[in-house]
Each structure stands twice: as structure tokens, then as C-alpha cells.
Amino acid sequence: MKVLKIVSIAAVCGILAGCNRSDLTYYTSPAPYETVSVTPPPADNEVRNIIFMIGDGMGLEQISCAWVLNHGKLNLDNMPVVGLHRTYCANNLITDSAAGGTALAVGQKTDIDHVGCDPEGNPLYSVLVKAQQAGKKTGCVTVCHLADATPCDFCCHNECRDNSDELIAGYAECGVDFIAGGGRDYFGPKRKDGRNIVEEMKAKGYNYANDAEQLKNAPLPVLGLMSDDNLPVALERGDLFRDMTARCLELLSEASGEKGFVAMIEGSCIDDWLHWNRIDLAMEETLDFDRTIGDVLQWAEKDGHTLVVVTADHATGALTLQDGSIEEGRIGVEFGNHGHNGIVVPYYVWGPGSDSFGGIVENAALGRKVMSFVE
């Protein structure tokens, strides 16, 4: 009887491996792409620039799914150094983007919902501020609206991530040279206090761009608001996110010279669609983020003095990859929840200084390591 039972289970597993399962959600990406091949510069080259890329909600499971969808290749595969970091925050095992992003931005854990401040509400200053103090140029590019937690972690300070009016007002004081994302409504039309933050930033010298064409021509300092809320979804926005990133690197590198720059680039809406358990939209956001990583690596290869760090603030959706085909670029997945989880997430490092990374660390320790390259 025991032998027959084992054979029966094996037969069922074989059947399930060969056909779609009704309990899984399947997706095949309509737009696979070729990945880049880049050669890192010598690890002991001087680090002048840092590009810190954050895929919000992008854990190992999301990366694994994206790899299958793109037929077994990602631009992330170019990264020679890989590690893991623990995401828990100061007062909770399961973090959010406010606390998780703050740990990466400033090198210190804080309470859940806290943006750029410690558990007592005192402001903490990010790697972008340290870069400014060192005479470097700074940039922040995001797919989401700029009132969202992660960009605010690098530019603003507040005890509650939901205080969007106060957070957006912080951009007028942050001194970041290139700011681009969504969220026009948060800068004026929907503010309860009646302030027009766009006009306030223009008065401080910012050049305002409200579409991609204007962004191409705007000199530093730049405030680019490409949409009323988040940017359009990945399959609808074309190369907008990639173009925003390219413009950021172009302007910062031209203006900074040998002093260098620090930029935070966020693939924000991976997380948003994972909360809704929309594997199709979440995966297209992940793949667009990876295409942007490819652009960044090609730029950094030519530069030779740029450290690139890619990670996530946490993983979202309790996603499991249970079926699919690399050859067909097809995945079959199941979600376990609509929220975050406490599983370690990967970080990837490329460029000069990369040999000092690696291993399992706290998220705050990763933030401090990145910050240590700012002089």
C-alpha cells in the first residue's frame, strides 16, 4: 500500500508539472527584452558617484518570477556581488516602506510609518544630505507620486507617512538637484493648506517640467512632475521611467564633475500591484525596473567611477512561484497575502567598492555602507 501511495503522488506531481493548475494565476509577458553585458571597472577605482536603486516590494520571489518571464535572463545577472538584508524595523517585525526606506537612506532603523526620522520623531539625514555636504550633486527619481514613502525617506522628515501635505512641503527645503516622479496633485491642487509647492520651488530656482519633453530641456535644479498621481503603468508609459533616469544621470554628471553625485532611483509600483495581487502589472513594473538597471549599468561602465547598489525595502504579497516555463516565459504563481512579509531581501552591487559588500546584514547596515562612500 505504501508503495502504491508514493507512486500515486509522484504521478500527480508529474501531471501538475506538465499542465496549468487551476489554483494558480498564470502570466506570460508580451515584451521580453535583450539584456546588457557590462564589464565592471577595477574594484579599487575611486568612487565618485553612487546610484542607489530600490525596487519597492521586490524580494527574491519577484526577481525569480521576472527572470522566468524574460526567458532566463535579467540585467541584474550582471551584478558580481550579492547579499541579503533583514528588513524588520525598530518596533515591528514586518516593516513598511517608510521605516524600511529610512533604514536604507540614513543607516538607522526607525518605527513603522516614520519617514526620515527616528522613533522619537527627530529628523535623520539621508545619504543625499551627506552628499550635498560633501559638495556632490543629488537626484531622486521615482515611478510613484512624490508623497509616497520611499522618495520622502531620502528627502523629507515626518512621524507619519500619511501626512502628505507636510512631506511634499519638505521637497522645497531638501536641496536635491534633480527631483522627478508623479504627483502634481500633491504639490498644489489637492493640498488642504492651499500652498502651491511648485511655485515655491520655482521661486527657489527650480526649473519645472510637467512632461517628458520639458524634462529633456530643463537645466538643474529640476522639479519634474510627469503625472497627477503615479506614472502610468509600465506597459502604457513606454520608456518614460528610463528617460527620467537617463536625464537625471546626464545632468548630475555634467554639473558635478569629479566631485560626483548620489542618486536614488525607485521602481515604486512593483509594491503597489503586489498589494492588489496583480501579478501581470507587478511583473511588468519589475521588468521595466530591470531594463532601467541595464541602462544604468551601461552608463556606469562608461563612467568607471560609479557604484551601483540595487535592493528592496521589503517583499510584498507572500508570492510563490509554483509553475511555468523558462522557454515560454510563463509563470504560475500564488499569493499568500496582500501585505508585506519579514523575509530577507537581496541586494546587488556593481562597480568600484563592490568588494566591500556581501553577506547577510541589517538594512540599516547596508545604508551605512553605502553612505561610507560619500566623502
Protein backbone atom coordinates (compact mmCIF):
# COMPACT_ATOMS: atom_id res chain seq x y z
CA MET A 1 0.00 0.00 0.00
CA LYS A 2 2.76 2.45 0.89
CA VAL A 3 4.48 1.90 -2.46
CA LEU A 4 1.26 2.46 -4.38
CA LYS A 5 0.61 5.65 -2.43
CA ILE A 6 4.05 7.05 -3.28
CA VAL A 7 3.61 6.19 -6.95
CA SER A 8 0.23 7.91 -6.97
CA ILE A 9 1.66 11.11 -5.50
CA ALA A 10 4.53 11.05 -7.99
CA ALA A 11 2.08 10.61 -10.85
CA VAL A 12 0.02 13.55 -9.69
CA CYS A 13 3.16 15.72 -9.40
CA GLY A 14 4.16 14.73 -12.89
CA ILE A 15 0.77 15.70 -14.27
CA LEU A 16 0.84 19.03 -12.46
CA ALA A 17 4.29 19.80 -13.79
CA GLY A 18 3.09 19.34 -17.34
CA CYS A 19 -0.05 21.45 -17.46
CA ASN A 20 -1.60 24.56 -15.96
CA ARG A 21 -3.05 24.26 -12.48
CA SER A 22 -6.44 25.75 -11.78
CA ASP A 23 -5.34 27.01 -8.36
CA LEU A 24 -2.55 29.21 -9.78
CA THR A 25 -2.50 32.55 -11.59
CA TYR A 26 -0.55 32.41 -14.86
CA TYR A 27 1.17 35.18 -16.75
CA THR A 28 3.33 35.49 -19.85
CA SER A 29 4.99 38.81 -20.56
CA PRO A 30 4.23 40.24 -24.02
CA ALA A 31 7.50 42.19 -24.16
CA PRO A 32 10.65 40.15 -23.40
CA TYR A 33 13.89 42.04 -23.99
CA GLU A 34 17.59 41.55 -24.51
CA THR A 35 19.78 42.20 -21.51
CA VAL A 36 23.05 44.11 -21.47
CA SER A 37 26.52 42.74 -20.90
CA VAL A 38 28.86 45.03 -18.98
CA THR A 39 32.35 44.75 -17.54
CA PRO A 40 32.87 46.25 -14.08
CA PRO A 41 35.79 48.68 -13.65
CA PRO A 42 38.60 47.77 -11.24
CA ALA A 43 37.19 47.43 -7.73
CA ASP A 44 39.77 49.88 -6.37
CA ASN A 45 38.77 52.73 -8.70
CA GLU A 46 37.75 55.91 -6.91
CA VAL A 47 34.01 56.01 -6.15
CA ARG A 48 32.73 59.39 -7.31
CA ASN A 49 29.10 58.57 -7.99
CA ILE A 50 26.57 56.35 -6.21
CA ILE A 51 23.34 55.16 -7.82
CA PHE A 52 21.08 53.56 -5.20
CA MET A 53 18.23 51.69 -6.89
CA ILE A 54 15.26 50.41 -4.87
CA GLY A 55 12.63 48.06 -6.22
CA ASP A 56 9.81 48.55 -3.74
CA GLY A 57 8.41 45.18 -2.66
CA MET A 58 10.92 43.32 -4.88
CA GLY A 59 12.08 40.24 -3.00
CA LEU A 60 13.78 37.10 -4.25
CA GLU A 61 10.43 35.68 -5.32
CA GLN A 62 9.58 38.66 -7.53
CA ILE A 63 13.04 38.61 -9.10
CA SER A 64 12.75 34.87 -9.73
CA CYS A 65 9.42 35.34 -11.49
CA ALA A 66 10.79 38.19 -13.63
CA TRP A 67 13.78 36.03 -14.62
CA VAL A 68 11.47 33.30 -15.91
CA LEU A 69 9.24 35.80 -17.73
CA ASN A 70 12.27 37.19 -19.57
CA HIS A 71 13.30 33.69 -20.65
CA GLY A 72 16.02 33.15 -18.05
CA LYS A 73 17.91 36.45 -18.12
CA LEU A 74 17.88 39.76 -16.29
CA ASN A 75 20.17 42.76 -16.24
CA LEU A 76 20.55 42.03 -12.54
CA ASP A 77 22.54 38.97 -13.59
CA ASN A 78 25.47 41.31 -14.29
CA MET A 79 25.91 42.06 -10.60
CA PRO A 80 29.08 40.36 -9.27
CA VAL A 81 28.28 40.87 -5.56
CA VAL A 82 25.05 39.66 -3.97
CA GLY A 83 23.92 39.61 -0.34
CA LEU A 84 20.82 39.59 1.84
CA HIS A 85 19.49 42.13 4.30
CA ARG A 86 16.98 41.86 7.13
CA THR A 87 14.09 44.29 6.85
CA TYR A 88 12.46 44.42 10.31
CA CYS A 89 12.01 47.89 11.79
CA ALA A 90 12.59 49.27 15.29
CA ASN A 91 9.16 48.41 16.66
CA ASN A 92 7.78 45.72 14.36
CA LEU A 93 8.94 42.50 12.73
CA ILE A 94 7.15 43.40 9.48
CA THR A 95 8.28 46.76 8.13
CA ASP A 96 6.68 49.23 5.77
CA SER A 97 8.29 51.40 3.09
CA ALA A 98 8.60 54.36 5.46
CA ALA A 99 10.70 52.56 8.06
CA GLY A 100 12.38 50.23 5.57
CA GLY A 101 13.32 53.04 3.22
CA THR A 102 14.53 55.23 6.07
CA ALA A 103 16.91 52.49 7.23
CA LEU A 104 18.41 52.32 3.74
CA ALA A 105 18.51 56.10 3.32
CA VAL A 106 20.01 57.09 6.66
CA GLY A 107 21.60 53.92 8.05
CA GLN A 108 19.40 53.68 11.15
CA LYS A 109 16.27 51.67 11.92
CA THR A 110 13.13 53.52 12.95
CA ASP A 111 9.49 52.85 13.83
CA ILE A 112 6.89 51.82 11.31
CA ASP A 113 5.30 54.75 9.40
CA HIS A 114 8.23 57.06 10.29
CA VAL A 115 9.74 58.92 7.34
CA GLY A 116 13.31 60.21 7.65
CA CYS A 117 13.14 60.45 11.43
CA ASP A 118 13.99 58.36 14.48
CA PRO A 119 11.41 56.67 16.75
CA GLU A 120 11.09 59.90 18.78
CA GLY A 121 10.39 61.96 15.67
CA ASN A 122 13.79 63.65 15.44
CA PRO A 123 14.93 64.19 11.83
CA LEU A 124 17.50 61.81 10.37
CA TYR A 125 19.53 62.92 7.37
CA SER A 126 19.94 60.71 4.33
CA VAL A 127 22.83 59.88 2.08
CA LEU A 128 21.57 62.65 -0.23
CA VAL A 129 22.10 65.24 2.51
CA LYS A 130 25.55 63.87 3.30
CA ALA A 131 26.36 64.07 -0.41
CA GLN A 132 25.28 67.71 -0.54
CA GLN A 133 27.53 68.46 2.44
CA ALA A 134 30.41 66.85 0.53
CA GLY A 135 29.77 69.12 -2.47
CA LYS A 136 28.13 66.44 -4.62
CA LYS A 137 25.03 66.79 -6.75
CA THR A 138 21.97 64.76 -5.80
CA GLY A 139 18.94 63.24 -7.50
CA CYS A 140 15.70 61.40 -6.75
CA VAL A 141 13.66 59.63 -9.46
CA THR A 142 10.57 57.56 -8.77
CA VAL A 143 7.67 55.88 -10.59
CA CYS A 144 5.16 56.75 -7.87
CA HIS A 145 3.87 60.12 -6.69
CA LEU A 146 6.47 62.00 -4.69
CA ALA A 147 4.38 61.92 -1.50
CA ASP A 148 4.99 58.18 -1.27
CA ALA A 149 7.23 56.84 1.48
CA THR A 150 10.47 55.88 -0.24
CA PRO A 151 11.33 59.13 -2.07
CA CYS A 152 10.30 61.03 1.08
CA ASP A 153 12.65 58.83 3.14
CA PHE A 154 15.56 60.33 1.21
CA CYS A 155 14.29 63.93 1.04
CA CYS A 156 11.84 64.70 3.87
CA HIS A 157 11.02 64.09 7.54
CA ASN A 158 7.76 63.24 9.32
CA GLU A 159 6.49 60.88 12.01
CA CYS A 160 3.66 59.69 9.76
CA ARG A 161 3.87 58.72 6.12
CA ASP A 162 0.24 59.79 5.63
CA ASN A 163 0.99 63.48 6.27
CA SER A 164 1.37 64.13 2.56
CA ASP A 165 0.99 67.91 2.68
CA GLU A 166 3.84 68.23 5.17
CA LEU A 167 6.02 65.71 3.36
CA ILE A 168 5.64 67.41 -0.03
CA ALA A 169 6.47 70.76 1.55
CA GLY A 170 9.75 69.18 2.59
CA TYR A 171 10.90 68.98 -1.03
CA ALA A 172 11.09 72.78 -1.10
CA GLU A 173 13.70 72.59 1.66
CA CYS A 174 15.61 69.41 0.75
CA GLY A 175 18.10 70.92 -1.70
CA VAL A 176 18.07 67.88 -4.03
CA ASP A 177 19.14 68.99 -7.51
CA PHE A 178 17.02 66.66 -9.66
CA ILE A 179 13.59 65.53 -8.44
CA ALA A 180 11.31 63.65 -10.82
CA GLY A 181 8.25 61.46 -10.40
CA GLY A 182 4.49 61.72 -10.29
CA GLY A 183 2.19 63.69 -8.03
CA ARG A 184 1.24 67.10 -9.42
CA ASP A 185 -1.92 66.99 -7.31
CA TYR A 186 0.11 66.73 -4.11
CA PHE A 187 2.07 69.88 -4.92
CA GLY A 188 -0.93 72.19 -5.23
CA PRO A 189 -4.43 71.31 -6.47
CA LYS A 190 -5.37 68.89 -3.66
CA ARG A 191 -3.49 70.45 -0.76
CA LYS A 192 -5.56 71.29 2.30
CA ASP A 193 -3.29 74.20 3.25
CA GLY A 194 -3.70 76.00 -0.09
CA ARG A 195 0.04 76.18 -0.72
CA ASN A 196 1.44 75.80 -4.23
CA ILE A 197 4.72 73.97 -3.71
CA VAL A 198 5.58 74.12 -7.42
CA GLU A 199 5.54 77.91 -7.34
CA GLU A 200 7.51 77.94 -4.09
CA MET A 201 10.19 75.71 -5.63
CA LYS A 202 10.27 77.79 -8.81
CA ALA A 203 10.89 80.83 -6.61
CA LYS A 204 13.87 78.98 -5.14
CA GLY A 205 15.30 78.49 -8.64
CA TYR A 206 13.91 75.11 -9.64
CA ASN A 207 13.10 74.59 -13.31
CA TYR A 208 9.70 72.96 -13.51
CA ALA A 209 8.85 70.27 -16.08
CA ASN A 210 5.40 68.70 -16.33
CA ASP A 211 6.03 66.30 -19.20
CA ALA A 212 8.84 64.31 -20.80
CA GLU A 213 9.61 66.92 -23.45
CA GLN A 214 10.04 69.70 -20.91
CA LEU A 215 12.23 67.39 -18.80
CA LYS A 216 14.59 66.90 -21.76
CA ASN A 217 15.26 70.64 -21.87
CA ALA A 218 15.17 71.66 -18.21
CA PRO A 219 18.54 72.52 -16.62
CA LEU A 220 19.40 71.93 -12.97
CA PRO A 221 17.88 72.26 -10.48
CA VAL A 222 14.87 70.33 -11.77
CA LEU A 223 11.42 69.53 -10.42
CA GLY A 224 9.75 67.15 -12.86
CA LEU A 225 6.15 66.10 -12.24
CA MET A 226 5.19 63.72 -15.01
CA SER A 227 1.64 62.87 -13.90
CA ASP A 228 -1.10 63.89 -11.47
CA ASP A 229 -0.55 60.80 -9.33
CA ASN A 230 1.65 57.75 -10.04
CA LEU A 231 3.13 57.37 -13.51
CA PRO A 232 1.08 55.27 -15.95
CA VAL A 233 1.58 51.51 -15.62
CA ALA A 234 4.69 50.04 -17.21
CA LEU A 235 3.13 48.77 -20.45
CA GLU A 236 1.50 52.16 -21.05
CA ARG A 237 4.29 54.60 -20.15
CA GLY A 238 6.84 53.29 -22.64
CA ASP A 239 10.36 54.49 -21.82
CA LEU A 240 9.30 57.34 -19.54
CA PHE A 241 10.93 55.98 -16.36
CA ARG A 242 14.09 55.07 -18.25
CA ASP A 243 14.22 58.52 -19.86
CA MET A 244 13.74 60.23 -16.50
CA THR A 245 16.63 58.21 -15.09
CA ALA A 246 18.86 58.91 -18.08
CA ARG A 247 18.18 62.64 -17.83
CA CYS A 248 18.98 62.58 -14.12
CA LEU A 249 22.36 60.92 -14.71
CA GLU A 250 23.15 63.20 -17.64
CA LEU A 251 22.51 66.43 -15.73
CA LEU A 252 24.08 65.34 -12.45
CA SER A 253 27.25 64.08 -14.12
CA GLU A 254 27.64 67.23 -16.22
CA ALA A 255 27.20 69.52 -13.22
CA SER A 256 29.22 67.59 -10.66
CA GLY A 257 32.49 66.93 -12.45
CA GLU A 258 34.98 64.98 -10.34
CA LYS A 259 33.03 65.79 -7.17
CA GLY A 260 30.42 63.31 -8.29
CA PHE A 261 26.79 62.72 -7.37
CA VAL A 262 24.41 60.46 -5.48
CA ALA A 263 21.04 59.46 -6.94
CA MET A 264 18.19 57.33 -5.62
CA ILE A 265 16.16 55.61 -8.36
CA GLU A 266 12.99 53.79 -7.30
CA GLY A 267 10.84 51.24 -9.09
CA SER A 268 7.93 52.07 -6.81
CA CYS A 269 4.83 50.43 -8.21
CA ILE A 270 6.09 46.86 -8.04
CA ASP A 271 4.82 47.04 -4.48
CA ASP A 272 1.51 48.71 -5.32
CA TRP A 273 0.39 45.97 -7.69
CA LEU A 274 1.62 43.20 -5.40
CA HIS A 275 -0.69 44.59 -2.71
CA TRP A 276 -3.52 44.07 -5.22
CA ASN A 277 -2.15 40.62 -6.13
CA ARG A 278 -1.94 41.69 -9.78
CA ILE A 279 0.95 39.54 -10.95
CA ASP A 280 0.73 40.91 -14.50
CA LEU A 281 1.14 44.57 -13.55
CA ALA A 282 3.64 43.86 -10.77
CA MET A 283 5.84 41.84 -13.11
CA GLU A 284 5.80 44.46 -15.85
CA GLU A 285 6.91 47.04 -13.25
CA THR A 286 9.70 44.67 -12.19
CA LEU A 287 10.81 44.11 -15.77
CA ASP A 288 10.79 47.84 -16.50
CA PHE A 289 12.90 48.38 -13.38
CA ASP A 290 15.35 45.76 -14.66
CA ARG A 291 15.51 47.44 -18.07
CA THR A 292 16.36 50.66 -16.23
CA ILE A 293 19.06 48.79 -14.31
CA GLY A 294 20.53 47.79 -17.68
CA ASP A 295 20.62 51.44 -18.78
CA VAL A 296 22.28 52.46 -15.51
CA LEU A 297 24.92 49.72 -15.78
CA GLN A 298 25.81 50.73 -19.33
CA TRP A 299 26.16 54.35 -18.21
CA ALA A 300 28.26 53.31 -15.21
CA GLU A 301 30.51 51.12 -17.36
CA LYS A 302 31.43 54.13 -19.49
CA ASP A 303 31.98 56.30 -16.42
CA GLY A 304 34.21 53.89 -14.49
CA HIS A 305 33.75 55.63 -11.12
CA THR A 306 30.15 54.74 -10.26
CA LEU A 307 28.99 52.37 -7.53
CA VAL A 308 25.58 50.84 -8.28
CA VAL A 309 23.57 49.24 -5.47
CA VAL A 310 20.19 47.59 -6.16
CA THR A 311 17.89 46.31 -3.44
CA ALA A 312 14.35 46.35 -2.00
CA ASP A 313 12.91 47.77 1.20
CA HIS A 314 10.85 44.60 1.78
CA ALA A 315 8.96 41.92 -0.15
CA THR A 316 5.20 42.08 -0.75
CA GLY A 317 2.39 39.61 -1.39
CA ALA A 318 3.89 36.39 0.03
CA LEU A 319 4.38 35.36 -3.60
CA THR A 320 5.33 31.79 -4.55
CA LEU A 321 6.47 30.60 -7.97
CA GLN A 322 4.98 27.15 -8.45
CA ASP A 323 4.83 26.50 -12.17
CA GLY A 324 5.88 27.92 -15.52
CA SER A 325 8.36 27.65 -18.35
CA ILE A 326 11.61 29.49 -18.98
CA GLU A 327 11.37 28.68 -22.68
CA GLU A 328 7.86 30.09 -22.94
CA GLY A 329 8.44 32.96 -20.49
CA ARG A 330 5.44 31.83 -18.46
CA ILE A 331 4.90 31.72 -14.69
CA GLY A 332 2.25 30.18 -12.45
CA VAL A 333 2.08 31.84 -9.03
CA GLU A 334 0.07 32.07 -5.85
CA PHE A 335 -0.16 34.95 -3.38
CA GLY A 336 -0.26 34.37 0.36
CA ASN A 337 -1.44 37.82 1.42
CA HIS A 338 -1.97 41.42 0.35
CA GLY A 339 0.75 42.87 2.57
CA HIS A 340 4.44 42.81 3.36
CA ASN A 341 6.42 39.99 4.91
CA GLY A 342 9.54 39.63 7.03
CA ILE A 343 11.67 37.53 4.66
CA VAL A 344 15.19 38.78 3.95
CA VAL A 345 15.58 40.56 0.61
CA PRO A 346 18.57 40.57 -1.74
CA TYR A 347 20.96 43.39 -2.53
CA TYR A 348 23.19 43.55 -5.61
CA VAL A 349 26.35 45.60 -6.04
CA TRP A 350 28.38 46.58 -9.13
CA GLY A 351 31.35 48.86 -9.66
CA PRO A 352 34.24 50.26 -7.64
CA GLY A 353 33.95 49.49 -3.95
CA SER A 354 31.70 46.48 -4.57
CA ASP A 355 34.22 44.09 -2.99
CA SER A 356 33.46 45.58 0.44
CA PHE A 357 29.83 44.40 0.25
CA GLY A 358 28.34 40.94 0.60
CA GLY A 359 26.90 38.65 3.25
CA ILE A 360 23.83 38.90 5.44
CA VAL A 361 23.36 42.32 7.06
CA GLU A 362 20.72 44.56 8.61
CA ASN A 363 19.02 47.02 6.25
CA ALA A 364 20.48 49.89 8.28
CA ALA A 365 23.97 48.41 7.94
CA LEU A 366 23.55 48.36 4.17
CA GLY A 367 22.51 52.02 4.30
CA ARG A 368 25.59 52.89 6.38
CA LYS A 369 27.87 51.01 3.99
CA VAL A 370 26.52 52.97 1.02
CA MET A 371 26.88 56.21 2.96
CA SER A 372 30.51 55.39 3.81
CA PHE A 373 31.46 56.05 0.18
CA VAL A 374 30.33 59.67 0.39
CA GLU A 375 33.21 61.96 1.30
